[in-house]
PDB file of N, CA and C in Angstrom:
ATOM      1  N   MET A   1      -4.251  19.328  -2.297  1.00  0.00           N
ATOM      2  CA  MET A   1      -3.904  18.251  -3.190  1.00  0.00           C
ATOM      3  C   MET A   1      -3.969  16.947  -2.396  1.00  0.00           C
ATOM      4  N   ARG A   2      -4.510  15.904  -2.992  1.00  0.00           N
ATOM      5  CA  ARG A   2      -4.628  14.604  -2.337  1.00  0.00           C
ATOM      6  C   ARG A   2      -3.550  13.662  -2.863  1.00  0.00           C
ATOM      7  N   VAL A   3      -2.860  13.014  -1.919  1.00  0.00           N
ATOM      8  CA  VAL A   3      -1.796  12.060  -2.239  1.00  0.00           C
ATOM      9  C   VAL A   3      -2.171  10.707  -1.640  1.00  0.00           C
ATOM     10  N   ARG A   4      -1.985   9.650  -2.415  1.00  0.00           N
ATOM     11  CA  ARG A   4      -2.272   8.290  -1.951  1.00  0.00           C
ATOM     12  C   ARG A   4      -0.960   7.515  -1.860  1.00  0.00           C
ATOM     13  N   VAL A   5      -0.689   6.971  -0.675  1.00  0.00           N
ATOM     14  CA  VAL A   5       0.494   6.150  -0.448  1.00  0.00           C
ATOM     15  C   VAL A   5       0.013   4.720  -0.224  1.00  0.00           C
ATOM     16  N   SER A   6       0.438   3.803  -1.085  1.00  0.00           N
ATOM     17  CA  SER A   6       0.066   2.390  -0.974  1.00  0.00           C
ATOM     18  C   SER A   6       1.272   1.616  -0.458  1.00  0.00           C
ATOM     19  N   VAL A   7       1.065   0.861   0.609  1.00  0.00           N
ATOM     20  CA  VAL A   7       2.149   0.130   1.264  1.00  0.00           C
ATOM     21  C   VAL A   7       1.862  -1.365   1.155  1.00  0.00           C
ATOM     22  N   MET A   8       2.875  -2.127   0.709  1.00  0.00           N
ATOM     23  CA  MET A   8       2.748  -3.579   0.576  1.00  0.00           C
ATOM     24  C   MET A   8       3.978  -4.255   1.161  1.00  0.00           C
ATOM     25  N   LEU A   9       3.782  -5.479   1.646  1.00  0.00           N
ATOM     26  CA  LEU A   9       4.925  -6.270   2.081  1.00  0.00           C
ATOM     27  C   LEU A   9       5.786  -6.616   0.873  1.00  0.00           C
ATOM     28  N   LYS A  10       7.084  -6.678   1.084  1.00  0.00           N
ATOM     29  CA  LYS A  10       7.997  -7.072   0.016  1.00  0.00           C
ATOM     30  C   LYS A  10       7.766  -8.536  -0.342  1.00  0.00           C
ATOM     31  N   ASP A  11       8.092  -8.898  -1.589  1.00  0.00           N
ATOM     32  CA  ASP A  11       8.033 -10.293  -2.000  1.00  0.00           C
ATOM     33  C   ASP A  11       8.944 -11.104  -1.086  1.00  0.00           C
ATOM     34  N   GLY A  12       8.468 -12.270  -0.691  1.00  0.00           N
ATOM     35  CA  GLY A  12       9.259 -13.133   0.180  1.00  0.00           C
ATOM     36  C   GLY A  12       8.973 -12.944   1.656  1.00  0.00           C
ATOM     37  N   VAL A  13       8.312 -11.862   2.028  1.00  0.00           N
ATOM     38  CA  VAL A  13       7.927 -11.644   3.427  1.00  0.00           C
ATOM     39  C   VAL A  13       6.591 -12.348   3.648  1.00  0.00           C
ATOM     40  N   LEU A  14       6.517 -13.168   4.696  1.00  0.00           N
ATOM     41  CA  LEU A  14       5.289 -13.890   4.985  1.00  0.00           C
ATOM     42  C   LEU A  14       4.143 -12.916   5.227  1.00  0.00           C
ATOM     43  N   ASP A  15       2.972 -13.255   4.698  1.00  0.00           N
ATOM     44  CA  ASP A  15       1.798 -12.395   4.792  1.00  0.00           C
ATOM     45  C   ASP A  15       0.624 -13.206   5.347  1.00  0.00           C
ATOM     46  N   PRO A  16       0.544 -13.381   6.677  1.00  0.00           N
ATOM     47  CA  PRO A  16      -0.534 -14.187   7.240  1.00  0.00           C
ATOM     48  C   PRO A  16      -1.924 -13.616   6.962  1.00  0.00           C
ATOM     49  N   GLN A  17      -2.056 -12.305   6.908  1.00  0.00           N
ATOM     50  CA  GLN A  17      -3.358 -11.714   6.605  1.00  0.00           C
ATOM     51  C   GLN A  17      -3.775 -12.055   5.177  1.00  0.00           C
ATOM     52  N   GLY A  18      -2.843 -11.963   4.249  1.00  0.00           N
ATOM     53  CA  GLY A  18      -3.135 -12.327   2.867  1.00  0.00           C
ATOM     54  C   GLY A  18      -3.520 -13.796   2.742  1.00  0.00           C
ATOM     55  N   LYS A  19      -2.816 -14.671   3.484  1.00  0.00           N
ATOM     56  CA  LYS A  19      -3.142 -16.102   3.463  1.00  0.00           C
ATOM     57  C   LYS A  19      -4.552 -16.341   3.999  1.00  0.00           C
ATOM     58  N   ALA A  20      -4.916 -15.650   5.088  1.00  0.00           N
ATOM     59  CA  ALA A  20      -6.250 -15.813   5.660  1.00  0.00           C
ATOM     60  C   ALA A  20      -7.328 -15.345   4.681  1.00  0.00           C
ATOM     61  N   ILE A  21      -7.082 -14.234   4.006  1.00  0.00           N
ATOM     62  CA  ILE A  21      -8.040 -13.731   3.009  1.00  0.00           C
ATOM     63  C   ILE A  21      -8.169 -14.727   1.867  1.00  0.00           C
ATOM     64  N   GLY A  22      -7.028 -15.236   1.383  1.00  0.00           N
ATOM     65  CA  GLY A  22      -7.054 -16.223   0.303  1.00  0.00           C
ATOM     66  C   GLY A  22      -7.829 -17.475   0.698  1.00  0.00           C
ATOM     67  N   HIS A  23      -7.606 -17.956   1.913  1.00  0.00           N
ATOM     68  CA  HIS A  23      -8.325 -19.137   2.399  1.00  0.00           C
ATOM     69  C   HIS A  23      -9.832 -18.864   2.453  1.00  0.00           C
ATOM     70  N   ALA A  24     -10.205 -17.694   2.982  1.00  0.00           N
ATOM     71  CA  ALA A  24     -11.621 -17.346   3.075  1.00  0.00           C
ATOM     72  C   ALA A  24     -12.261 -17.250   1.689  1.00  0.00           C
ATOM     73  N   LEU A  25     -11.544 -16.688   0.739  1.00  0.00           N
ATOM     74  CA  LEU A  25     -12.085 -16.586  -0.628  1.00  0.00           C
ATOM     75  C   LEU A  25     -12.303 -17.972  -1.229  1.00  0.00           C
ATOM     76  N   HIS A  26     -11.364 -18.879  -0.995  1.00  0.00           N
ATOM     77  CA  HIS A  26     -11.535 -20.258  -1.500  1.00  0.00           C
ATOM     78  C   HIS A  26     -12.758 -20.903  -0.843  1.00  0.00           C
ATOM     79  N   THR A  27     -12.925 -20.677   0.470  1.00  0.00           N
ATOM     80  CA  THR A  27     -14.072 -21.227   1.192  1.00  0.00           C
ATOM     81  C   THR A  27     -15.382 -20.690   0.622  1.00  0.00           C
ATOM     82  N   LEU A  28     -15.373 -19.466   0.162  1.00  0.00           N
ATOM     83  CA  LEU A  28     -16.575 -18.847  -0.415  1.00  0.00           C
ATOM     84  C   LEU A  28     -16.801 -19.239  -1.876  1.00  0.00           C
ATOM     85  N   GLY A  29     -15.936 -20.099  -2.394  1.00  0.00           N
ATOM     86  CA  GLY A  29     -16.140 -20.589  -3.754  1.00  0.00           C
ATOM     87  C   GLY A  29     -15.320 -19.897  -4.825  1.00  0.00           C
ATOM     88  N   PHE A  30     -14.426 -19.020  -4.435  1.00  0.00           N
ATOM     89  CA  PHE A  30     -13.571 -18.344  -5.411  1.00  0.00           C
ATOM     90  C   PHE A  30     -12.277 -19.137  -5.583  1.00  0.00           C
ATOM     91  N   GLY A  31     -12.404 -20.314  -6.174  1.00  0.00           N
ATOM     92  CA  GLY A  31     -11.270 -21.228  -6.292  1.00  0.00           C
ATOM     93  C   GLY A  31     -10.212 -20.791  -7.277  1.00  0.00           C
ATOM     94  N   ASN A  32     -10.495 -19.814  -8.110  1.00  0.00           N
ATOM     95  CA  ASN A  32      -9.520 -19.372  -9.105  1.00  0.00           C
ATOM     96  C   ASN A  32      -8.556 -18.315  -8.561  1.00  0.00           C
ATOM     97  N   VAL A  33      -8.679 -17.974  -7.275  1.00  0.00           N
ATOM     98  CA  VAL A  33      -7.794 -16.977  -6.667  1.00  0.00           C
ATOM     99  C   VAL A  33      -6.482 -17.649  -6.304  1.00  0.00           C
ATOM    100  N   GLY A  34      -5.388 -17.057  -6.746  1.00  0.00           N
ATOM    101  CA  GLY A  34      -4.058 -17.560  -6.407  1.00  0.00           C
ATOM    102  C   GLY A  34      -3.554 -16.897  -5.137  1.00  0.00           C
ATOM    103  N   GLU A  35      -2.311 -16.483  -5.159  1.00  0.00           N
ATOM    104  CA  GLU A  35      -1.716 -15.840  -3.988  1.00  0.00           C
ATOM    105  C   GLU A  35      -2.408 -14.510  -3.703  1.00  0.00           C
ATOM    106  N   VAL A  36      -2.622 -14.226  -2.434  1.00  0.00           N
ATOM    107  CA  VAL A  36      -3.231 -12.972  -1.998  1.00  0.00           C
ATOM    108  C   VAL A  36      -2.230 -12.248  -1.102  1.00  0.00           C
ATOM    109  N   ARG A  37      -2.012 -10.977  -1.364  1.00  0.00           N
ATOM    110  CA  ARG A  37      -1.143 -10.141  -0.524  1.00  0.00           C
ATOM    111  C   ARG A  37      -1.988  -8.986  -0.018  1.00  0.00           C
ATOM    112  N   ALA A  38      -1.897  -8.704   1.268  1.00  0.00           N
ATOM    113  CA  ALA A  38      -2.669  -7.613   1.869  1.00  0.00           C
ATOM    114  C   ALA A  38      -1.736  -6.437   2.143  1.00  0.00           C
ATOM    115  N   GLY A  39      -2.261  -5.256   1.989  1.00  0.00           N
ATOM    116  CA  GLY A  39      -1.494  -4.047   2.250  1.00  0.00           C
ATOM    117  C   GLY A  39      -2.401  -2.982   2.831  1.00  0.00           C
ATOM    118  N   ARG A  40      -1.958  -1.754   2.738  1.00  0.00           N
ATOM    119  CA  ARG A  40      -2.786  -0.660   3.232  1.00  0.00           C
ATOM    120  C   ARG A  40      -2.597   0.567   2.338  1.00  0.00           C
ATOM    121  N   VAL A  41      -3.602   1.424   2.366  1.00  0.00           N
ATOM    122  CA  VAL A  41      -3.592   2.649   1.580  1.00  0.00           C
ATOM    123  C   VAL A  41      -3.825   3.814   2.533  1.00  0.00           C
ATOM    124  N   ILE A  42      -2.981   4.830   2.437  1.00  0.00           N
ATOM    125  CA  ILE A  42      -3.105   6.030   3.250  1.00  0.00           C
ATOM    126  C   ILE A  42      -3.328   7.200   2.303  1.00  0.00           C
ATOM    127  N   GLU A  43      -4.427   7.921   2.473  1.00  0.00           N
ATOM    128  CA  GLU A  43      -4.675   9.115   1.671  1.00  0.00           C
ATOM    129  C   GLU A  43      -4.425  10.340   2.524  1.00  0.00           C
ATOM    130  N   LEU A  44      -3.689  11.270   1.956  1.00  0.00           N
ATOM    131  CA  LEU A  44      -3.289  12.479   2.669  1.00  0.00           C
ATOM    132  C   LEU A  44      -3.779  13.697   1.904  1.00  0.00           C
ATOM    133  N   GLU A  45      -4.399  14.606   2.589  1.00  0.00           N
ATOM    134  CA  GLU A  45      -4.793  15.882   1.996  1.00  0.00           C
ATOM    135  C   GLU A  45      -3.709  16.890   2.362  1.00  0.00           C
ATOM    136  N   LEU A  46      -2.997  17.377   1.355  1.00  0.00           N
ATOM    137  CA  LEU A  46      -1.890  18.298   1.586  1.00  0.00           C
ATOM    138  C   LEU A  46      -2.258  19.702   1.111  1.00  0.00           C
ATOM    139  N   ASP A  47      -1.798  20.681   1.837  1.00  0.00           N
ATOM    140  CA  ASP A  47      -1.966  22.079   1.439  1.00  0.00           C
ATOM    141  C   ASP A  47      -0.816  22.416   0.492  1.00  0.00           C
ATOM    142  N   GLU A  48      -0.948  21.951  -0.746  1.00  0.00           N
ATOM    143  CA  GLU A  48       0.113  22.090  -1.745  1.00  0.00           C
ATOM    144  C   GLU A  48      -0.535  22.166  -3.120  1.00  0.00           C
ATOM    145  N   ALA A  49      -0.117  23.116  -3.947  1.00  0.00           N
ATOM    146  CA  ALA A  49      -0.693  23.285  -5.283  1.00  0.00           C
ATOM    147  C   ALA A  49       0.118  22.589  -6.368  1.00  0.00           C
ATOM    148  N   ASP A  50       1.393  22.333  -6.125  1.00  0.00           N
ATOM    149  CA  ASP A  50       2.278  21.736  -7.125  1.00  0.00           C
ATOM    150  C   ASP A  50       2.274  20.210  -6.979  1.00  0.00           C
ATOM    151  N   PRO A  51       1.780  19.472  -7.996  1.00  0.00           N
ATOM    152  CA  PRO A  51       1.721  18.009  -7.901  1.00  0.00           C
ATOM    153  C   PRO A  51       3.083  17.353  -7.648  1.00  0.00           C
ATOM    154  N   ALA A  52       4.134  17.864  -8.245  1.00  0.00           N
ATOM    155  CA  ALA A  52       5.464  17.281  -8.046  1.00  0.00           C
ATOM    156  C   ALA A  52       5.910  17.425  -6.592  1.00  0.00           C
ATOM    157  N   ARG A  53       5.647  18.574  -6.019  1.00  0.00           N
ATOM    158  CA  ARG A  53       6.018  18.783  -4.599  1.00  0.00           C
ATOM    159  C   ARG A  53       5.147  17.942  -3.680  1.00  0.00           C
ATOM    160  N   ALA A  54       3.862  17.802  -4.015  1.00  0.00           N
ATOM    161  CA  ALA A  54       2.971  16.967  -3.213  1.00  0.00           C
ATOM    162  C   ALA A  54       3.436  15.514  -3.234  1.00  0.00           C
ATOM    163  N   ARG A  55       3.805  15.038  -4.416  1.00  0.00           N
ATOM    164  CA  ARG A  55       4.290  13.650  -4.514  1.00  0.00           C
ATOM    165  C   ARG A  55       5.594  13.474  -3.747  1.00  0.00           C
ATOM    166  N   ALA A  56       6.488  14.442  -3.849  1.00  0.00           N
ATOM    167  CA  ALA A  56       7.757  14.371  -3.122  1.00  0.00           C
ATOM    168  C   ALA A  56       7.508  14.325  -1.615  1.00  0.00           C
ATOM    169  N   GLN A  57       6.536  15.095  -1.136  1.00  0.00           N
ATOM    170  CA  GLN A  57       6.209  15.059   0.287  1.00  0.00           C
ATOM    171  C   GLN A  57       5.634  13.702   0.681  1.00  0.00           C
ATOM    172  N   GLY A  58       4.775  13.145  -0.171  1.00  0.00           N
ATOM    173  CA  GLY A  58       4.231  11.804   0.083  1.00  0.00           C
ATOM    174  C   GLY A  58       5.323  10.754   0.130  1.00  0.00           C
ATOM    175  N   ASP A  59       6.301  10.865  -0.799  1.00  0.00           N
ATOM    176  CA  ASP A  59       7.440   9.941  -0.790  1.00  0.00           C
ATOM    177  C   ASP A  59       8.228  10.045   0.508  1.00  0.00           C
ATOM    178  N   GLU A  60       8.461  11.254   0.951  1.00  0.00           N
ATOM    179  CA  GLU A  60       9.223  11.464   2.191  1.00  0.00           C
ATOM    180  C   GLU A  60       8.459  10.894   3.395  1.00  0.00           C
ATOM    181  N   MET A  61       7.153  11.103   3.425  1.00  0.00           N
ATOM    182  CA  MET A  61       6.346  10.550   4.512  1.00  0.00           C
ATOM    183  C   MET A  61       6.380   9.023   4.489  1.00  0.00           C
ATOM    184  N   GLY A  62       6.328   8.458   3.287  1.00  0.00           N
ATOM    185  CA  GLY A  62       6.416   7.003   3.159  1.00  0.00           C
ATOM    186  C   GLY A  62       7.728   6.468   3.691  1.00  0.00           C
ATOM    187  N   ARG A  63       8.822   7.110   3.321  1.00  0.00           N
ATOM    188  CA  ARG A  63      10.155   6.670   3.771  1.00  0.00           C
ATOM    189  C   ARG A  63      10.334   6.836   5.270  1.00  0.00           C
ATOM    190  N   ARG A  64       9.840   7.939   5.813  1.00  0.00           N
ATOM    191  CA  ARG A  64      10.130   8.267   7.211  1.00  0.00           C
ATOM    192  C   ARG A  64       9.154   7.664   8.215  1.00  0.00           C
ATOM    193  N   LEU A  65       7.912   7.385   7.783  1.00  0.00           N
ATOM    194  CA  LEU A  65       6.923   6.946   8.766  1.00  0.00           C
ATOM    195  C   LEU A  65       5.976   5.852   8.275  1.00  0.00           C
ATOM    196  N   LEU A  66       5.436   5.997   7.090  1.00  0.00           N
ATOM    197  CA  LEU A  66       4.304   5.171   6.684  1.00  0.00           C
ATOM    198  C   LEU A  66       4.666   3.742   6.317  1.00  0.00           C
ATOM    199  N   ALA A  67       5.900   3.500   5.901  1.00  0.00           N
ATOM    200  CA  ALA A  67       6.327   2.152   5.525  1.00  0.00           C
ATOM    201  C   ALA A  67       7.551   1.743   6.330  1.00  0.00           C
ATOM    202  N   ASN A  68       7.596   0.470   6.685  1.00  0.00           N
ATOM    203  CA  ASN A  68       8.787  -0.113   7.296  1.00  0.00           C
ATOM    204  C   ASN A  68       9.635  -0.636   6.141  1.00  0.00           C
ATOM    205  N   LEU A  69      10.641   0.112   5.743  1.00  0.00           N
ATOM    206  CA  LEU A  69      11.393  -0.201   4.519  1.00  0.00           C
ATOM    207  C   LEU A  69      12.172  -1.498   4.594  1.00  0.00           C
ATOM    208  N   VAL A  70      12.305  -2.081   5.766  1.00  0.00           N
ATOM    209  CA  VAL A  70      12.972  -3.378   5.888  1.00  0.00           C
ATOM    210  C   VAL A  70      12.101  -4.466   5.274  1.00  0.00           C
ATOM    211  N   ILE A  71      10.776  -4.384   5.486  1.00  0.00           N
ATOM    212  CA  ILE A  71       9.887  -5.450   5.029  1.00  0.00           C
ATOM    213  C   ILE A  71       8.792  -4.978   4.073  1.00  0.00           C
ATOM    214  N   GLU A  72       8.703  -3.664   3.818  1.00  0.00           N
ATOM    215  CA  GLU A  72       7.623  -3.142   2.988  1.00  0.00           C
ATOM    216  C   GLU A  72       8.150  -2.244   1.871  1.00  0.00           C
ATOM    217  N   THR A  73       7.361  -2.146   0.816  1.00  0.00           N
ATOM    218  CA  THR A  73       7.595  -1.184  -0.254  1.00  0.00           C
ATOM    219  C   THR A  73       6.377  -0.250  -0.283  1.00  0.00           C
ATOM    220  N   PHE A  74       6.543   0.892  -0.938  1.00  0.00           N
ATOM    221  CA  PHE A  74       5.389   1.789  -1.067  1.00  0.00           C
ATOM    222  C   PHE A  74       5.456   2.498  -2.403  1.00  0.00           C
ATOM    223  N   THR A  75       4.295   2.941  -2.834  1.00  0.00           N
ATOM    224  CA  THR A  75       4.178   3.785  -4.022  1.00  0.00           C
ATOM    225  C   THR A  75       3.372   5.013  -3.636  1.00  0.00           C
ATOM    226  N   THR A  76       3.652   6.114  -4.313  1.00  0.00           N
ATOM    227  CA  THR A  76       2.971   7.370  -4.037  1.00  0.00           C
ATOM    228  C   THR A  76       2.374   7.890  -5.333  1.00  0.00           C
ATOM    229  N   GLU A  77       1.120   8.341  -5.265  1.00  0.00           N
ATOM    230  CA  GLU A  77       0.490   8.938  -6.440  1.00  0.00           C
ATOM    231  C   GLU A  77      -0.340  10.139  -6.021  1.00  0.00           C
ATOM    232  N   VAL A  78      -0.356  11.130  -6.873  1.00  0.00           N
ATOM    233  CA  VAL A  78      -1.211  12.301  -6.660  1.00  0.00           C
ATOM    234  C   VAL A  78      -2.554  11.972  -7.300  1.00  0.00           C
ATOM    235  N   VAL A  79      -3.611  12.068  -6.510  1.00  0.00           N
ATOM    236  CA  VAL A  79      -4.930  11.668  -7.002  1.00  0.00           C
ATOM    237  C   VAL A  79      -5.919  12.819  -7.097  1.00  0.00           C
ATOM    238  N   GLY A  80      -5.503  14.002  -6.765  1.00  0.00           N
ATOM    239  CA  GLY A  80      -6.421  15.126  -6.930  1.00  0.00           C
ATOM    240  C   GLY A  80      -5.964  16.346  -6.168  1.00  0.00           C
TER     241      GLY A  80
END
């Protein structure tokens, strides 16, 4: 089973990478782009047949390792 964990900075946390991407997009002529936030996506292949258990394992991995809960949030989804 494949699980996707998406990690993003919390609102209010400065995001210099997002600012740099936003600036570059404006330079390339995409002037309609507002705030840009950058994050990361981790896909995990789990040896698990039950989607609920796979998601629970992804949540636990997010809490324990994949996200810094002081400054980041994460979401977990089963994708296959």
